[in-house]
Amino acid sequence: MASNDPDHKEEEETTAAEEEDTGAQVAPIIKLEEVAVSTGEEDEDAILDLKAKLYRFDKDGNQWKERGAGSVRFLKHKKTEKVRLVMRQSKTLKICANHLVIPTMSVQEHAGNDKSCVWHAADFADGELKDELFCIRFASVENCKKFMETFQEVAESQKGKEENKDATNAAGLLEKLSVEDKKDEEKKEEEKVEVKEVKEDAAEKVDEVKPADSEKKE
């Protein structure tokens, strides 16, 4: 039964008009251009990529504080072959851990929990180096073992590079010292020559003065 209420009838017509698809295409008012975002990881290859939750130890509060949940990776630089550990939060992609893995580092199981492990690092996640004690927890024992094994392998692989670097630095330092010693010797030789020349000049002047004195006496 149709309604005689004019207001109701007008309302039905308006609704029908709104639902009707005209097929018209509306162009966007503002065109957004795609912007390339640099992550700083373009020259690195991921060795390992696992989901985990990270904690850091708060010395002032004497307790563990959650740092973030997301993806933890070991990234190896294509040229230098240095490896760093980087972890970003899942949703915001904010960095919650960022440090080099060096030979002196070690990782160990945390308090008998086979899904968690701990390690010390000089971390740069906040834009400045901070000595941090990290604890990371995985969803499975297998992932935790894989992380610890990779961590130790990376630390071991960096030993030769650090030693070579130290040897190169030592060689450079010795070469610099040798050059400086040689320069000092050359400088001393030059000073000796200058002193000798001064003495010779002085002797010549004395010889010139002696005949003059003898002439005055005559």
Protein backbone atom coordinates (compact mmCIF):
# COMPACT_ATOMS: atom_id res chain seq x y z
CA MET A 1 0.00 0.00 0.00
CA ALA A 2 1.46 3.33 -1.10
CA SER A 3 1.87 6.06 1.44
CA ASN A 4 -0.05 9.31 0.97
CA ASP A 5 2.34 11.22 3.20
CA PRO A 6 4.14 13.73 0.92
CA ASP A 7 7.11 13.99 3.20
CA HIS A 8 7.53 10.21 3.13
CA LYS A 9 7.17 10.14 -0.66
CA GLU A 10 9.80 12.86 -1.11
CA GLU A 11 12.12 10.98 1.21
CA GLU A 12 11.78 7.79 -0.89
CA GLU A 13 12.53 9.69 -4.11
CA THR A 14 15.60 11.32 -2.58
CA THR A 15 16.91 7.94 -1.36
CA ALA A 16 16.40 6.38 -4.78
CA ALA A 17 18.21 9.27 -6.42
CA GLU A 18 21.13 8.90 -4.03
CA GLU A 19 21.42 5.16 -4.65
CA GLU A 20 21.26 5.51 -8.43
CA ASP A 21 24.66 4.94 -10.09
CA THR A 22 25.21 7.59 -12.73
CA GLY A 23 28.46 6.04 -13.92
CA ALA A 24 30.25 9.38 -13.70
CA GLN A 25 33.94 9.32 -12.74
CA VAL A 26 35.13 11.94 -10.28
CA ALA A 27 38.80 12.89 -10.57
CA PRO A 28 40.72 13.48 -7.31
CA ILE A 29 41.26 17.14 -6.42
CA ILE A 30 44.86 16.59 -5.25
CA LYS A 31 47.28 14.24 -7.00
CA LEU A 32 49.75 12.61 -4.64
CA GLU A 33 53.10 11.68 -6.14
CA GLU A 34 54.98 8.57 -5.07
CA VAL A 35 58.01 9.44 -2.95
CA ALA A 36 61.02 7.12 -2.63
CA VAL A 37 61.96 6.59 1.02
CA SER A 38 65.51 5.62 1.91
CA THR A 39 65.89 3.15 4.80
CA GLY A 40 69.69 3.23 4.88
CA GLU A 41 69.70 -0.52 4.22
CA GLU A 42 70.06 -0.39 0.42
CA ASP A 43 73.72 -1.51 0.52
CA GLU A 44 73.08 -4.40 2.90
CA ASP A 45 71.84 -7.97 2.60
CA ALA A 46 69.69 -9.63 5.27
CA ILE A 47 71.29 -12.74 6.76
CA LEU A 48 68.39 -13.51 9.10
CA ASP A 49 64.89 -12.08 9.56
CA LEU A 50 62.72 -13.19 12.49
CA LYS A 51 59.70 -11.90 14.43
CA ALA A 52 60.34 -11.21 18.09
CA LYS A 53 59.75 -8.94 21.08
CA LEU A 54 62.65 -6.87 22.42
CA TYR A 55 63.32 -5.63 25.96
CA ARG A 56 66.09 -3.50 27.45
CA PHE A 57 67.19 -3.42 31.06
CA ASP A 58 66.45 -0.17 32.88
CA LYS A 59 69.27 0.32 35.39
CA ASP A 60 67.48 3.13 37.27
CA GLY A 61 64.29 1.14 37.75
CA ASN A 62 66.16 -2.18 38.00
CA GLN A 63 63.66 -3.86 35.67
CA TRP A 64 63.12 -4.97 32.07
CA LYS A 65 61.18 -2.59 29.83
CA GLU A 66 59.63 -3.49 26.50
CA ARG A 67 61.38 -1.81 23.57
CA GLY A 68 59.13 -3.04 20.78
CA ALA A 69 57.76 -6.01 18.84
CA GLY A 70 58.66 -6.55 15.21
CA SER A 71 61.29 -7.92 12.87
CA VAL A 72 64.91 -8.46 13.99
CA ARG A 73 67.53 -8.83 11.24
CA PHE A 74 71.25 -9.23 10.74
CA LEU A 75 72.32 -6.98 7.85
CA LYS A 76 75.65 -7.52 6.08
CA HIS A 77 77.19 -4.61 4.17
CA LYS A 78 78.04 -5.50 0.57
CA LYS A 79 81.42 -3.69 0.57
CA THR A 80 82.77 -3.62 4.13
CA GLU A 81 81.16 -6.98 5.08
CA LYS A 82 80.40 -5.55 8.51
CA VAL A 83 77.22 -6.90 10.09
CA ARG A 84 74.77 -5.01 12.25
CA LEU A 85 71.67 -6.05 14.15
CA VAL A 86 68.60 -3.96 13.32
CA MET A 87 65.12 -4.32 14.76
CA ARG A 88 62.08 -2.27 13.76
CA GLN A 89 58.62 -2.17 15.29
CA SER A 90 55.98 -3.84 13.11
CA LYS A 91 53.48 -1.01 12.64
CA THR A 92 55.54 2.17 12.96
CA LEU A 93 58.84 0.75 11.58
CA LYS A 94 60.55 2.72 14.35
CA ILE A 95 64.06 1.42 15.10
CA CYS A 96 64.32 -0.16 18.53
CA ALA A 97 67.79 -1.74 18.13
CA ASN A 98 70.68 -0.79 15.85
CA HIS A 99 74.26 -1.87 16.57
CA LEU A 100 77.27 -3.57 14.97
CA VAL A 101 78.02 -7.16 15.85
CA ILE A 102 81.68 -7.32 16.93
CA PRO A 103 83.94 -10.25 17.94
CA THR A 104 83.81 -9.44 21.67
CA MET A 105 80.01 -9.87 21.82
CA SER A 106 78.33 -13.01 23.12
CA VAL A 107 74.70 -14.05 23.47
CA GLN A 108 73.28 -16.46 26.05
CA GLU A 109 70.00 -17.97 27.15
CA HIS A 110 68.02 -15.81 29.57
CA ALA A 111 67.35 -17.25 33.03
CA GLY A 112 66.60 -20.77 31.81
CA ASN A 113 63.99 -19.58 29.29
CA ASP A 114 64.79 -21.38 26.02
CA LYS A 115 62.73 -18.88 24.00
CA SER A 116 64.69 -15.84 25.22
CA CYS A 117 68.32 -14.71 25.15
CA VAL A 118 70.37 -11.70 26.32
CA TRP A 119 73.43 -9.74 25.19
CA HIS A 120 75.28 -6.43 25.75
CA ALA A 121 75.77 -3.88 22.95
CA ALA A 122 76.72 -0.26 22.24
CA ASP A 123 73.40 0.62 20.64
CA PHE A 124 72.65 3.55 18.32
CA ALA A 125 68.85 3.27 18.06
CA ASP A 126 68.27 6.65 19.75
CA GLY A 127 70.85 8.50 17.65
CA GLU A 128 73.64 8.23 20.21
CA LEU A 129 75.74 5.33 21.47
CA LYS A 130 74.37 3.77 24.67
CA ASP A 131 75.55 0.70 26.51
CA GLU A 132 72.45 -1.51 26.61
CA LEU A 133 71.58 -4.93 27.99
CA PHE A 134 69.02 -6.45 25.61
CA CYS A 135 66.67 -9.39 26.02
CA ILE A 136 64.77 -10.79 23.04
CA ARG A 137 61.91 -13.28 23.14
CA PHE A 138 60.77 -15.46 20.25
CA ALA A 139 57.57 -17.40 19.64
CA SER A 140 59.44 -20.70 19.38
CA VAL A 141 62.56 -22.40 20.74
CA GLU A 142 63.74 -23.05 17.16
CA ASN A 143 63.76 -19.34 16.28
CA CYS A 144 65.65 -18.49 19.46
CA LYS A 145 68.31 -21.12 18.69
CA LYS A 146 68.58 -19.91 15.10
CA PHE A 147 69.07 -16.33 16.33
CA MET A 148 71.75 -17.30 18.87
CA GLU A 149 73.63 -19.47 16.36
CA THR A 150 73.60 -16.72 13.73
CA PHE A 151 74.69 -14.14 16.31
CA GLN A 152 77.71 -16.25 17.34
CA GLU A 153 78.63 -17.06 13.72
CA VAL A 154 78.56 -13.38 12.78
CA ALA A 155 80.67 -12.40 15.79
CA GLU A 156 83.23 -15.10 14.88
CA SER A 157 83.30 -13.98 11.22
CA GLN A 158 84.19 -10.44 12.25
CA LYS A 159 87.35 -11.49 14.15
CA GLY A 160 89.67 -11.62 11.14
CA LYS A 161 88.37 -8.28 9.87
CA GLU A 162 89.03 -6.60 13.21
CA GLU A 163 92.52 -8.11 13.40
CA ASN A 164 93.31 -7.06 9.83
CA LYS A 165 92.03 -3.59 10.59
CA ASP A 166 94.22 -3.39 13.71
CA ALA A 167 97.22 -4.66 11.73
CA THR A 168 96.61 -2.09 9.01
CA ASN A 169 96.28 0.68 11.58
CA ALA A 170 99.46 -0.49 13.32
CA ALA A 171 101.33 -0.64 10.01
CA GLY A 172 100.12 2.84 9.15
CA LEU A 173 101.18 4.12 12.54
CA LEU A 174 104.64 2.56 12.22
CA GLU A 175 105.03 4.00 8.73
CA LYS A 176 104.04 7.41 10.06
CA LEU A 177 106.55 7.13 12.90
CA SER A 178 109.27 6.04 10.47
CA VAL A 179 108.57 9.02 8.23
CA GLU A 180 108.59 11.36 11.22
CA ASP A 181 111.88 9.85 12.48
CA LYS A 182 113.38 10.27 9.02
CA LYS A 183 112.23 13.89 8.96
CA ASP A 184 113.76 14.46 12.41
CA GLU A 185 117.06 12.97 11.24
CA GLU A 186 117.04 15.13 8.11
CA LYS A 187 116.25 18.16 10.24
CA LYS A 188 119.14 17.37 12.59
CA GLU A 189 121.51 16.96 9.62
CA GLU A 190 120.38 20.32 8.25
CA GLU A 191 120.94 21.92 11.66
CA LYS A 192 124.45 20.39 11.81
CA VAL A 193 125.25 21.80 8.36
CA GLU A 194 123.94 25.22 9.36
CA VAL A 195 126.05 25.21 12.57
CA LYS A 196 129.10 24.13 10.59
CA GLU A 197 128.57 26.94 8.07
CA VAL A 198 128.15 29.48 10.89
CA LYS A 199 131.39 28.30 12.51
CA GLU A 200 133.23 28.53 9.19
CA ASP A 201 131.90 32.04 8.59
CA ALA A 202 132.98 33.07 12.09
CA ALA A 203 136.47 31.61 11.53
CA GLU A 204 136.83 33.52 8.27
CA LYS A 205 135.87 36.79 9.97
CA VAL A 206 138.43 36.17 12.72
CA ASP A 207 141.10 35.58 10.09
CA GLU A 208 140.14 38.85 8.40
CA VAL A 209 140.38 40.77 11.67
CA LYS A 210 143.89 39.44 12.57
CA PRO A 211 145.77 40.98 9.58
CA ALA A 212 144.07 44.29 10.19
CA ASP A 213 145.21 44.31 13.84
CA SER A 214 148.80 43.52 12.77
CA GLU A 215 148.78 46.42 10.31
CA LYS A 216 147.73 48.84 13.07
CA LYS A 217 150.64 47.72 15.26
CA GLU A 218 153.14 48.43 12.47
